[in-house]
Amino acid sequence: MPMPDIAAAPTSVPAETFAQNLLNLADQLDTPADAPLAPAPETVPPEVEPTPAPETAVPPPTSQEVAENDSYEPPALDSQACLRTFAVLNPQCRREYLEQFRALRTRLCLEQRAWNQRGQALQVVSVLSPSVGDGRTFVAANLAAALAVSDAQVLLVDVNTAAPKLHESLGILPSPGLTEALQGPRGLTNQAWWTVLHRVPETNLFTMTIGAGGASQIDTVDLQKLPSLIEHWRQCFDWVVLDGPAFETTSDAEILSHIADASLLVLRPGHTPFAEAQRATTHMPAERILGVVMNPHRG
């Protein structure tokens, strides 16, 4: 079974060099995976109960604003919808399937340690891809879940300004969400961002949908306010995972690659055009390209 492959990029390598390094992946891009990841079951058997809450589960995130409203509890999402969306939380998934994302989590945590030793922060990660259908939401959601079950406090945010999908996967309305949190002349001026969160039951994983009006209400100007909001998230979460758009659909993917501490580029074997993968890397800051994830699953 192929493992999601993170090909880490040196922090000083120019974008053109990194794009050239992707040539090593050409054969994989042209050949479908022998044993694709097993998708999460469409339905959860009635007898399967959600995983019990770990004793180390922590309360909702806190910051100066949250401390003043510590009685607020983000609404819980539907347990069965979560087991479908966050496949690694599903007890029916095969061990080999779980190991794919555990390996990805391990590589990410090791990179975080290395960055910290260099005095750099690695806390906010955007998940991007060259083209539509490469599986960004699938990778972002399950990476966030894998981080959360390791006792980290994690926020997963739908920033797919071209085609947001997280709310559909969870069977909830898209609003309130990121759009509302970005309202105000400087972002967050009159908004309590924690009131637009949802919590995955029995976990330390929180989610934020795209918000009212969907992608049509978030433009480049709004995304420029995102860094100020991210600074609040840094105080409350160990990891922030941004589920971003495809480069072929909007320039917002490039903006997110500059806003996040680092980015993962998702490629799907047999689907992602190699030319698109090369083009995407030329629009990303080379020092913030964390690596490439080869993902056989469509999502």
C-alpha atoms as a PDB file:
ATOM      1  CA  MET A   1       0.000   0.000   0.000  1.00  0.00           C
ATOM      2  CA  PRO A   2       1.528   3.358  -1.010  1.00  0.00           C
ATOM      3  CA  MET A   3       2.203   5.737   1.847  1.00  0.00           C
ATOM      4  CA  PRO A   4       1.368   9.432   1.563  1.00  0.00           C
ATOM      5  CA  ASP A   5       4.771  10.727   0.588  1.00  0.00           C
ATOM      6  CA  ILE A   6       6.018  14.010   1.989  1.00  0.00           C
ATOM      7  CA  ALA A   7       8.985  15.120  -0.057  1.00  0.00           C
ATOM      8  CA  ALA A   8      10.347  17.819   2.217  1.00  0.00           C
ATOM      9  CA  ALA A   9      11.811  20.884   0.538  1.00  0.00           C
ATOM     10  CA  PRO A  10      14.965  22.551   1.923  1.00  0.00           C
ATOM     11  CA  THR A  11      14.164  25.948   3.351  1.00  0.00           C
ATOM     12  CA  SER A  12      16.607  27.760   1.068  1.00  0.00           C
ATOM     13  CA  VAL A  13      15.794  26.065  -2.232  1.00  0.00           C
ATOM     14  CA  PRO A  14      14.349  28.462  -4.858  1.00  0.00           C
ATOM     15  CA  ALA A  15      10.915  27.703  -6.258  1.00  0.00           C
ATOM     16  CA  GLU A  16      12.337  26.779  -9.660  1.00  0.00           C
ATOM     17  CA  THR A  17      14.574  24.125  -8.098  1.00  0.00           C
ATOM     18  CA  PHE A  18      11.729  22.645  -6.110  1.00  0.00           C
ATOM     19  CA  ALA A  19       9.598  22.500  -9.236  1.00  0.00           C
ATOM     20  CA  GLN A  20      12.421  20.667 -10.988  1.00  0.00           C
ATOM     21  CA  ASN A  21      12.629  18.201  -8.086  1.00  0.00           C
ATOM     22  CA  LEU A  22       9.023  17.242  -8.723  1.00  0.00           C
ATOM     23  CA  LEU A  23      10.221  15.557 -11.899  1.00  0.00           C
ATOM     24  CA  ASN A  24      11.078  12.617  -9.662  1.00  0.00           C
ATOM     25  CA  LEU A  25       7.360  12.141  -9.107  1.00  0.00           C
ATOM     26  CA  ALA A  26       6.438  12.015 -12.799  1.00  0.00           C
ATOM     27  CA  ASP A  27       6.179   8.236 -12.963  1.00  0.00           C
ATOM     28  CA  GLN A  28       3.889   8.157  -9.942  1.00  0.00           C
ATOM     29  CA  LEU A  29       1.684  10.849 -11.421  1.00  0.00           C
ATOM     30  CA  ASP A  30       1.278   8.862 -14.599  1.00  0.00           C
ATOM     31  CA  THR A  31       0.567   5.550 -12.889  1.00  0.00           C
ATOM     32  CA  PRO A  32      -2.520   4.932 -10.718  1.00  0.00           C
ATOM     33  CA  ALA A  33      -1.789   3.673  -7.218  1.00  0.00           C
ATOM     34  CA  ASP A  34      -1.737  -0.110  -6.845  1.00  0.00           C
ATOM     35  CA  ALA A  35      -3.671  -0.054  -3.590  1.00  0.00           C
ATOM     36  CA  PRO A  36      -5.569   3.201  -3.044  1.00  0.00           C
ATOM     37  CA  LEU A  37      -6.501   4.303   0.427  1.00  0.00           C
ATOM     38  CA  ALA A  38      -9.643   2.640   1.727  1.00  0.00           C
ATOM     39  CA  PRO A  39     -12.310   5.372   1.903  1.00  0.00           C
ATOM     40  CA  ALA A  40     -14.296   5.809   5.067  1.00  0.00           C
ATOM     41  CA  PRO A  41     -17.490   3.724   5.132  1.00  0.00           C
ATOM     42  CA  GLU A  42     -20.491   5.555   3.730  1.00  0.00           C
ATOM     43  CA  THR A  43     -22.499   4.519   6.725  1.00  0.00           C
ATOM     44  CA  VAL A  44     -21.553   3.593  10.245  1.00  0.00           C
ATOM     45  CA  PRO A  45     -23.005   0.329  11.590  1.00  0.00           C
ATOM     46  CA  PRO A  46     -25.545   0.970  14.373  1.00  0.00           C
ATOM     47  CA  GLU A  47     -23.565  -1.142  16.802  1.00  0.00           C
ATOM     48  CA  VAL A  48     -20.420   0.970  16.388  1.00  0.00           C
ATOM     49  CA  GLU A  49     -20.143   3.543  19.143  1.00  0.00           C
ATOM     50  CA  PRO A  50     -18.010   6.685  18.851  1.00  0.00           C
ATOM     51  CA  THR A  51     -14.564   6.426  20.382  1.00  0.00           C
ATOM     52  CA  PRO A  52     -14.744   7.201  24.134  1.00  0.00           C
ATOM     53  CA  ALA A  53     -13.480  10.588  25.179  1.00  0.00           C
ATOM     54  CA  PRO A  54      -9.825  10.449  26.218  1.00  0.00           C
ATOM     55  CA  GLU A  55      -9.097  11.380  29.799  1.00  0.00           C
ATOM     56  CA  THR A  56      -6.791  14.087  28.525  1.00  0.00           C
ATOM     57  CA  ALA A  57      -9.563  15.868  26.579  1.00  0.00           C
ATOM     58  CA  VAL A  58      -9.353  19.591  27.162  1.00  0.00           C
ATOM     59  CA  PRO A  59     -12.079  22.249  27.277  1.00  0.00           C
ATOM     60  CA  PRO A  60     -12.798  24.581  24.341  1.00  0.00           C
ATOM     61  CA  PRO A  61      -9.935  26.908  23.325  1.00  0.00           C
ATOM     62  CA  THR A  62      -9.166  29.909  25.484  1.00  0.00           C
ATOM     63  CA  SER A  63      -7.755  33.366  24.855  1.00  0.00           C
ATOM     64  CA  GLN A  64      -8.390  36.742  26.433  1.00  0.00           C
ATOM     65  CA  GLU A  65     -11.760  36.987  24.672  1.00  0.00           C
ATOM     66  CA  VAL A  66     -12.702  33.403  25.390  1.00  0.00           C
ATOM     67  CA  ALA A  67     -11.742  33.792  29.048  1.00  0.00           C
ATOM     68  CA  GLU A  68     -14.400  36.459  29.364  1.00  0.00           C
ATOM     69  CA  ASN A  69     -16.968  34.040  27.939  1.00  0.00           C
ATOM     70  CA  ASP A  70     -15.704  30.729  29.323  1.00  0.00           C
ATOM     71  CA  SER A  71     -19.229  29.397  29.665  1.00  0.00           C
ATOM     72  CA  TYR A  72     -19.570  29.139  25.877  1.00  0.00           C
ATOM     73  CA  GLU A  73     -19.399  25.605  24.490  1.00  0.00           C
ATOM     74  CA  PRO A  74     -19.134  25.206  20.688  1.00  0.00           C
ATOM     75  CA  PRO A  75     -21.977  23.045  19.355  1.00  0.00           C
ATOM     76  CA  ALA A  76     -21.075  19.428  18.679  1.00  0.00           C
ATOM     77  CA  LEU A  77     -21.226  17.993  15.181  1.00  0.00           C
ATOM     78  CA  ASP A  78     -23.135  14.836  14.278  1.00  0.00           C
ATOM     79  CA  SER A  79     -21.058  11.840  15.347  1.00  0.00           C
ATOM     80  CA  GLN A  80     -21.792   9.685  12.299  1.00  0.00           C
ATOM     81  CA  ALA A  81     -21.073  12.531   9.869  1.00  0.00           C
ATOM     82  CA  CYS A  82     -17.764  13.020  11.648  1.00  0.00           C
ATOM     83  CA  LEU A  83     -16.850   9.351  11.311  1.00  0.00           C
ATOM     84  CA  ARG A  84     -17.393   9.636   7.553  1.00  0.00           C
ATOM     85  CA  THR A  85     -15.565  12.944   7.140  1.00  0.00           C
ATOM     86  CA  PHE A  86     -12.699  12.302   9.544  1.00  0.00           C
ATOM     87  CA  ALA A  87     -11.995   8.748   8.485  1.00  0.00           C
ATOM     88  CA  VAL A  88      -9.157   8.227  10.969  1.00  0.00           C
ATOM     89  CA  LEU A  89     -11.715   8.564  13.779  1.00  0.00           C
ATOM     90  CA  ASN A  90     -13.717   5.645  12.382  1.00  0.00           C
ATOM     91  CA  PRO A  91     -13.054   2.386  14.268  1.00  0.00           C
ATOM     92  CA  GLN A  92     -13.986   0.443  11.111  1.00  0.00           C
ATOM     93  CA  CYS A  93     -10.973   1.739   9.167  1.00  0.00           C
ATOM     94  CA  ARG A  94      -8.127  -0.698   8.458  1.00  0.00           C
ATOM     95  CA  ARG A  95      -4.881  -0.288  10.367  1.00  0.00           C
ATOM     96  CA  GLU A  96      -2.940   0.260   7.142  1.00  0.00           C
ATOM     97  CA  TYR A  97      -5.247   3.156   6.338  1.00  0.00           C
ATOM     98  CA  LEU A  98      -4.716   4.758   9.749  1.00  0.00           C
ATOM     99  CA  GLU A  99      -0.957   4.384   9.463  1.00  0.00           C
ATOM    100  CA  GLN A 100      -0.948   6.563   6.347  1.00  0.00           C
ATOM    101  CA  PHE A 101      -2.060   9.601   8.333  1.00  0.00           C
ATOM    102  CA  ARG A 102      -0.106   8.682  11.441  1.00  0.00           C
ATOM    103  CA  ALA A 103       3.026   8.731   9.306  1.00  0.00           C
ATOM    104  CA  LEU A 104       2.002  12.103   7.882  1.00  0.00           C
ATOM    105  CA  ARG A 105       1.410  13.430  11.414  1.00  0.00           C
ATOM    106  CA  THR A 106       4.802  12.161  12.562  1.00  0.00           C
ATOM    107  CA  ARG A 107       6.624  13.846   9.684  1.00  0.00           C
ATOM    108  CA  LEU A 108       4.788  17.087  10.380  1.00  0.00           C
ATOM    109  CA  CYS A 109       5.631  17.019  14.098  1.00  0.00           C
ATOM    110  CA  LEU A 110       9.293  16.327  13.327  1.00  0.00           C
ATOM    111  CA  GLU A 111       9.318  19.276  10.946  1.00  0.00           C
ATOM    112  CA  GLN A 112       7.763  21.454  13.653  1.00  0.00           C
ATOM    113  CA  ARG A 113      10.585  20.540  16.038  1.00  0.00           C
ATOM    114  CA  ALA A 114      13.197  21.329  13.407  1.00  0.00           C
ATOM    115  CA  TRP A 115      11.589  24.670  12.639  1.00  0.00           C
ATOM    116  CA  ASN A 116      11.391  25.554  16.333  1.00  0.00           C
ATOM    117  CA  GLN A 117      15.096  24.815  16.732  1.00  0.00           C
ATOM    118  CA  ARG A 118      15.733  27.385  13.988  1.00  0.00           C
ATOM    119  CA  GLY A 119      13.530  29.898  15.792  1.00  0.00           C
ATOM    120  CA  GLN A 120      10.700  29.567  13.270  1.00  0.00           C
ATOM    121  CA  ALA A 121       7.050  28.874  14.005  1.00  0.00           C
ATOM    122  CA  LEU A 122       5.338  25.924  12.358  1.00  0.00           C
ATOM    123  CA  GLN A 123       1.778  25.936  13.624  1.00  0.00           C
ATOM    124  CA  VAL A 124      -0.446  27.030  10.729  1.00  0.00           C
ATOM    125  CA  VAL A 125      -0.427  24.700   7.711  1.00  0.00           C
ATOM    126  CA  SER A 126      -2.351  25.233   4.483  1.00  0.00           C
ATOM    127  CA  VAL A 127      -3.317  22.234   2.361  1.00  0.00           C
ATOM    128  CA  LEU A 128      -3.328  23.177  -1.328  1.00  0.00           C
ATOM    129  CA  SER A 129      -3.256  21.407  -4.682  1.00  0.00           C
ATOM    130  CA  PRO A 130      -2.622  22.253  -8.322  1.00  0.00           C
ATOM    131  CA  SER A 131      -6.026  21.169  -9.646  1.00  0.00           C
ATOM    132  CA  VAL A 132      -9.579  20.309  -8.664  1.00  0.00           C
ATOM    133  CA  GLY A 133     -10.183  16.772  -7.411  1.00  0.00           C
ATOM    134  CA  ASP A 134      -6.717  16.176  -5.958  1.00  0.00           C
ATOM    135  CA  GLY A 135      -8.132  15.433  -2.497  1.00  0.00           C
ATOM    136  CA  ARG A 136      -7.280  18.523  -0.463  1.00  0.00           C
ATOM    137  CA  THR A 137     -10.288  18.342   1.879  1.00  0.00           C
ATOM    138  CA  PHE A 138      -9.751  14.620   2.435  1.00  0.00           C
ATOM    139  CA  VAL A 139      -6.105  15.153   3.398  1.00  0.00           C
ATOM    140  CA  ALA A 140      -6.727  18.314   5.446  1.00  0.00           C
ATOM    141  CA  ALA A 141      -9.601  16.800   7.447  1.00  0.00           C
ATOM    142  CA  ASN A 142      -7.842  13.567   8.290  1.00  0.00           C
ATOM    143  CA  LEU A 143      -4.509  15.213   9.021  1.00  0.00           C
ATOM    144  CA  ALA A 144      -6.320  17.513  11.473  1.00  0.00           C
ATOM    145  CA  ALA A 145      -8.051  14.522  13.077  1.00  0.00           C
ATOM    146  CA  ALA A 146      -4.784  12.594  13.357  1.00  0.00           C
ATOM    147  CA  LEU A 147      -3.164  15.553  15.095  1.00  0.00           C
ATOM    148  CA  ALA A 148      -6.139  15.933  17.453  1.00  0.00           C
ATOM    149  CA  VAL A 149      -6.120  12.312  18.629  1.00  0.00           C
ATOM    150  CA  SER A 150      -2.492  12.801  19.703  1.00  0.00           C
ATOM    151  CA  ASP A 151      -3.807  15.201  22.375  1.00  0.00           C
ATOM    152  CA  ALA A 152      -3.108  18.338  20.362  1.00  0.00           C
ATOM    153  CA  GLN A 153      -5.734  21.066  20.229  1.00  0.00           C
ATOM    154  CA  VAL A 154      -6.519  21.499  16.523  1.00  0.00           C
ATOM    155  CA  LEU A 155      -8.583  23.885  14.408  1.00  0.00           C
ATOM    156  CA  LEU A 156      -9.633  22.928  10.857  1.00  0.00           C
ATOM    157  CA  VAL A 157     -10.797  25.897   8.773  1.00  0.00           C
ATOM    158  CA  ASP A 158     -12.488  25.773   5.370  1.00  0.00           C
ATOM    159  CA  VAL A 159     -10.713  28.432   3.307  1.00  0.00           C
ATOM    160  CA  ASN A 160     -11.607  26.898  -0.050  1.00  0.00           C
ATOM    161  CA  THR A 161     -12.839  30.133  -1.585  1.00  0.00           C
ATOM    162  CA  ALA A 162     -13.577  28.442  -4.914  1.00  0.00           C
ATOM    163  CA  ALA A 163     -15.609  25.412  -3.825  1.00  0.00           C
ATOM    164  CA  PRO A 164     -16.015  24.981  -0.038  1.00  0.00           C
ATOM    165  CA  LYS A 165     -16.892  21.413   0.922  1.00  0.00           C
ATOM    166  CA  LEU A 166     -16.406  20.954   4.656  1.00  0.00           C
ATOM    167  CA  HIS A 167     -19.949  21.931   5.631  1.00  0.00           C
ATOM    168  CA  GLU A 168     -21.378  19.532   3.025  1.00  0.00           C
ATOM    169  CA  SER A 169     -19.293  16.660   4.367  1.00  0.00           C
ATOM    170  CA  LEU A 170     -20.531  17.335   7.894  1.00  0.00           C
ATOM    171  CA  GLY A 171     -24.145  17.965   6.899  1.00  0.00           C
ATOM    172  CA  ILE A 172     -24.338  21.445   8.433  1.00  0.00           C
ATOM    173  CA  LEU A 173     -25.050  24.951   7.178  1.00  0.00           C
ATOM    174  CA  PRO A 174     -22.037  26.869   5.896  1.00  0.00           C
ATOM    175  CA  SER A 175     -22.767  29.810   8.188  1.00  0.00           C
ATOM    176  CA  PRO A 176     -21.834  31.255  10.534  1.00  0.00           C
ATOM    177  CA  GLY A 177     -18.184  30.706   9.822  1.00  0.00           C
ATOM    178  CA  LEU A 178     -15.041  32.333   8.465  1.00  0.00           C
ATOM    179  CA  THR A 179     -16.901  35.100   6.642  1.00  0.00           C
ATOM    180  CA  GLU A 180     -18.435  36.301   9.912  1.00  0.00           C
ATOM    181  CA  ALA A 181     -15.122  36.009  11.762  1.00  0.00           C
ATOM    182  CA  LEU A 182     -13.478  38.257   9.152  1.00  0.00           C
ATOM    183  CA  GLN A 183     -16.109  40.988   9.356  1.00  0.00           C
ATOM    184  CA  GLY A 184     -15.082  44.432  10.532  1.00  0.00           C
ATOM    185  CA  PRO A 185     -12.528  46.935   9.194  1.00  0.00           C
ATOM    186  CA  ARG A 186      -9.570  45.020  10.683  1.00  0.00           C
ATOM    187  CA  GLY A 187     -11.133  41.611  11.054  1.00  0.00           C
ATOM    188  CA  LEU A 188     -12.344  40.438  14.458  1.00  0.00           C
ATOM    189  CA  THR A 189     -13.201  44.022  15.499  1.00  0.00           C
ATOM    190  CA  ASN A 190     -16.771  43.255  16.517  1.00  0.00           C
ATOM    191  CA  GLN A 191     -16.834  39.489  16.183  1.00  0.00           C
ATOM    192  CA  ALA A 192     -16.317  36.713  18.726  1.00  0.00           C
ATOM    193  CA  TRP A 193     -14.686  34.172  16.427  1.00  0.00           C
ATOM    194  CA  TRP A 194     -15.095  31.262  18.843  1.00  0.00           C
ATOM    195  CA  THR A 195     -18.889  31.479  18.490  1.00  0.00           C
ATOM    196  CA  VAL A 196     -18.643  30.184  14.904  1.00  0.00           C
ATOM    197  CA  LEU A 197     -16.757  27.007  15.839  1.00  0.00           C
ATOM    198  CA  HIS A 198     -18.089  23.461  15.876  1.00  0.00           C
ATOM    199  CA  ARG A 199     -16.530  20.658  17.875  1.00  0.00           C
ATOM    200  CA  VAL A 200     -16.077  17.047  16.830  1.00  0.00           C
ATOM    201  CA  PRO A 201     -17.588  15.016  19.695  1.00  0.00           C
ATOM    202  CA  GLU A 202     -15.176  13.453  22.185  1.00  0.00           C
ATOM    203  CA  THR A 203     -12.105  15.055  20.613  1.00  0.00           C
ATOM    204  CA  ASN A 204      -9.943  18.174  20.733  1.00  0.00           C
ATOM    205  CA  LEU A 205     -10.785  18.913  17.094  1.00  0.00           C
ATOM    206  CA  PHE A 206     -12.675  22.101  16.222  1.00  0.00           C
ATOM    207  CA  THR A 207     -13.901  23.182  12.795  1.00  0.00           C
ATOM    208  CA  MET A 208     -14.872  26.451  11.127  1.00  0.00           C
ATOM    209  CA  THR A 209     -16.930  26.492   7.922  1.00  0.00           C
ATOM    210  CA  ILE A 210     -16.719  29.016   5.099  1.00  0.00           C
ATOM    211  CA  GLY A 211     -19.503  31.292   6.384  1.00  0.00           C
ATOM    212  CA  ALA A 212     -22.515  33.159   5.018  1.00  0.00           C
ATOM    213  CA  GLY A 213     -22.646  33.537   1.258  1.00  0.00           C
ATOM    214  CA  GLY A 214     -19.985  30.892   0.797  1.00  0.00           C
ATOM    215  CA  ALA A 215     -16.975  31.594  -1.342  1.00  0.00           C
ATOM    216  CA  SER A 216     -18.627  34.534  -3.125  1.00  0.00           C
ATOM    217  CA  GLN A 217     -18.365  36.644   0.028  1.00  0.00           C
ATOM    218  CA  ILE A 218     -14.648  36.115   0.616  1.00  0.00           C
ATOM    219  CA  ASP A 219     -12.393  37.988  -1.747  1.00  0.00           C
ATOM    220  CA  THR A 220      -8.747  38.942  -1.728  1.00  0.00           C
ATOM    221  CA  VAL A 221      -9.355  41.921   0.556  1.00  0.00           C
ATOM    222  CA  ASP A 222     -10.962  39.687   3.183  1.00  0.00           C
ATOM    223  CA  LEU A 223      -8.113  37.196   3.052  1.00  0.00           C
ATOM    224  CA  GLN A 224      -5.691  40.011   3.843  1.00  0.00           C
ATOM    225  CA  LYS A 225      -7.435  40.197   7.246  1.00  0.00           C
ATOM    226  CA  LEU A 226      -6.794  36.523   7.915  1.00  0.00           C
ATOM    227  CA  PRO A 227      -3.328  36.973   9.515  1.00  0.00           C
ATOM    228  CA  SER A 228      -4.805  39.019  12.383  1.00  0.00           C
ATOM    229  CA  LEU A 229      -7.335  36.261  13.012  1.00  0.00           C
ATOM    230  CA  ILE A 230      -4.614  33.609  12.842  1.00  0.00           C
ATOM    231  CA  GLU A 231      -2.734  35.371  15.647  1.00  0.00           C
ATOM    232  CA  HIS A 232      -5.713  34.715  17.925  1.00  0.00           C
ATOM    233  CA  TRP A 233      -5.800  31.073  16.846  1.00  0.00           C
ATOM    234  CA  ARG A 234      -2.114  30.663  17.681  1.00  0.00           C
ATOM    235  CA  GLN A 235      -2.899  31.422  21.318  1.00  0.00           C
ATOM    236  CA  CYS A 236      -5.640  28.789  21.457  1.00  0.00           C
ATOM    237  CA  PHE A 237      -4.555  25.861  19.286  1.00  0.00           C
ATOM    238  CA  ASP A 238      -1.474  23.705  18.838  1.00  0.00           C
ATOM    239  CA  TRP A 239      -2.208  23.336  15.126  1.00  0.00           C
ATOM    240  CA  VAL A 240      -4.334  25.223  12.593  1.00  0.00           C
ATOM    241  CA  VAL A 241      -5.043  23.394   9.321  1.00  0.00           C
ATOM    242  CA  LEU A 242      -6.342  25.513   6.434  1.00  0.00           C
ATOM    243  CA  ASP A 243      -8.281  23.595   3.775  1.00  0.00           C
ATOM    244  CA  GLY A 244      -7.479  25.772   0.779  1.00  0.00           C
ATOM    245  CA  PRO A 245      -8.479  25.941  -2.910  1.00  0.00           C
ATOM    246  CA  ALA A 246      -6.778  24.657  -6.050  1.00  0.00           C
ATOM    247  CA  PHE A 247      -4.296  26.869  -7.872  1.00  0.00           C
ATOM    248  CA  GLU A 248      -6.095  26.340 -11.175  1.00  0.00           C
ATOM    249  CA  THR A 249      -9.328  27.910  -9.871  1.00  0.00           C
ATOM    250  CA  THR A 250      -8.266  31.007  -7.905  1.00  0.00           C
ATOM    251  CA  SER A 251      -5.297  33.161  -6.949  1.00  0.00           C
ATOM    252  CA  ASP A 252      -6.356  32.752  -3.307  1.00  0.00           C
ATOM    253  CA  ALA A 253      -4.291  29.554  -3.194  1.00  0.00           C
ATOM    254  CA  GLU A 254      -1.157  31.627  -3.719  1.00  0.00           C
ATOM    255  CA  ILE A 255      -2.259  34.094  -1.024  1.00  0.00           C
ATOM    256  CA  LEU A 256      -2.767  31.270   1.478  1.00  0.00           C
ATOM    257  CA  SER A 257       0.675  29.852   0.699  1.00  0.00           C
ATOM    258  CA  HIS A 258       2.121  33.176   1.881  1.00  0.00           C
ATOM    259  CA  ILE A 259      -0.169  33.596   4.903  1.00  0.00           C
ATOM    260  CA  ALA A 260       0.375  30.121   6.408  1.00  0.00           C
ATOM    261  CA  ASP A 261       3.603  29.166   8.144  1.00  0.00           C
ATOM    262  CA  ALA A 262       3.997  26.387   5.580  1.00  0.00           C
ATOM    263  CA  SER A 263       2.005  24.468   2.972  1.00  0.00           C
ATOM    264  CA  LEU A 264       1.467  20.896   1.863  1.00  0.00           C
ATOM    265  CA  LEU A 265       0.850  20.339  -1.837  1.00  0.00           C
ATOM    266  CA  VAL A 266      -1.540  17.442  -2.544  1.00  0.00           C
ATOM    267  CA  LEU A 267      -1.101  15.499  -5.791  1.00  0.00           C
ATOM    268  CA  ARG A 268      -3.275  12.608  -6.942  1.00  0.00           C
ATOM    269  CA  PRO A 269      -1.529   9.886  -8.981  1.00  0.00           C
ATOM    270  CA  GLY A 270      -3.058   9.446 -12.413  1.00  0.00           C
ATOM    271  CA  HIS A 271      -5.041  12.668 -12.093  1.00  0.00           C
ATOM    272  CA  THR A 272      -2.865  15.698 -11.347  1.00  0.00           C
ATOM    273  CA  PRO A 273      -1.281  17.092 -14.543  1.00  0.00           C
ATOM    274  CA  PHE A 274       2.446  17.345 -13.995  1.00  0.00           C
ATOM    275  CA  ALA A 275       2.557  20.747 -15.682  1.00  0.00           C
ATOM    276  CA  GLU A 276       0.005  22.024 -13.149  1.00  0.00           C
ATOM    277  CA  ALA A 277       2.139  20.715 -10.276  1.00  0.00           C
ATOM    278  CA  GLN A 278       5.145  22.571 -11.653  1.00  0.00           C
ATOM    279  CA  ARG A 279       3.138  25.759 -12.120  1.00  0.00           C
ATOM    280  CA  ALA A 280       1.755  25.633  -8.578  1.00  0.00           C
ATOM    281  CA  THR A 281       5.223  25.470  -7.020  1.00  0.00           C
ATOM    282  CA  THR A 282       6.344  28.557  -8.922  1.00  0.00           C
ATOM    283  CA  HIS A 283       3.577  30.523  -7.177  1.00  0.00           C
ATOM    284  CA  MET A 284       4.508  29.311  -3.679  1.00  0.00           C
ATOM    285  CA  PRO A 285       7.342  30.703  -1.516  1.00  0.00           C
ATOM    286  CA  ALA A 286       9.970  27.959  -1.675  1.00  0.00           C
ATOM    287  CA  GLU A 287      10.926  28.344   1.986  1.00  0.00           C
ATOM    288  CA  ARG A 288       7.324  27.608   2.999  1.00  0.00           C
ATOM    289  CA  ILE A 289       6.758  24.498   0.889  1.00  0.00           C
ATOM    290  CA  LEU A 290       6.682  21.804   3.539  1.00  0.00           C
ATOM    291  CA  GLY A 291       6.360  18.932   1.090  1.00  0.00           C
ATOM    292  CA  VAL A 292       4.231  16.935  -1.308  1.00  0.00           C
ATOM    293  CA  VAL A 293       1.519  14.449  -0.321  1.00  0.00           C
ATOM    294  CA  MET A 294       0.776  11.724  -2.862  1.00  0.00           C
ATOM    295  CA  ASN A 295      -2.897  10.994  -2.284  1.00  0.00           C
ATOM    296  CA  PRO A 296      -4.645   8.224  -4.261  1.00  0.00           C
ATOM    297  CA  HIS A 297      -8.038   9.149  -2.757  1.00  0.00           C
ATOM    298  CA  ARG A 298     -10.362  11.604  -4.498  1.00  0.00           C
ATOM    299  CA  GLY A 299     -12.021  14.089  -2.156  1.00  0.00           C
END
